[in-house]
Amino acid sequence: MDAQLIAFTGVAAGMVALPGADFTVVVRNALASRTAGLATALGVAGGLLVHTALAVAGLAAVLVTMPVLFRTVQLLGGAYVLYLGISALYAIRRRPSQDSSGSPSGMREDEPGRPVTGEFGRALRQGFLTNALNPKAPVLFLSLLPQFVPHGQPPLPRTLLLAALVVVLALIWFPAVALLVDRLGRWLRRPRTARAIEGGSGVALTGLGLALVSGPLLR
């Protein structure tokens, strides 16, 4: 057994599962529907694929060593997360406590055979941008991946394997979160519970966005 690979799997799993903006967005969208939750999860994995590809190509090093470029990415990521947080808080104010069916307005379980127009693409885009614009990810991957390349081995094949493993873990974890939220959907979609979760996610995303925009997390 490859002890370093096993150790990396544990570290990477913890890193992927660590609650952050991507986790919050997956939960929030999964409350809207299973389709939105799974699409967001796939988008998050797509964002991780971008970061791992950059790390493998060495471009992450360029990003880290160029403060202006790094700060630009940080501001873009923070602004987008802040936008999601404010949107979530605003949605609470304009959403009725219940719709005519007795469930939170705008939050429903998927109906078999009935596609939700535009929902999949919108959620996929949200998940992708939330993760791809995370400025901390290049630093994490750039510092993490080389630590698990055995001395004397060609770095490229090993780094590709580690990067692929991170994406696979994301493809397991985030859809699992979305499906769990959907399974608990009847309770989670109760008006009072849904509004509390929406409010909590809005506050969390707004706080994360403000922290990224102000920049102290990475100094």
Foldseek 3Di string as FASTA:
>chain_A
DQPLVVVLLVVLLCVLPPDALLLLLLLLLLQLELLLNLLLLLLLLVLLLVLLVCLLVVVLVVLVVDVVNLLVLLLQLLVLLLVLLVVLVVCLVPWDLADPVQWTPSHDYDDPPDDDPPSSVVSSVSNNSNRNSHSVSSVCLNVPQVVSDDPPDDSNVSSVVSSVSSSVSSNPPSSVSSVVSNVCNVVCRNSVNVSVSSNVSSVRSNVSSVCSNVPPVVD
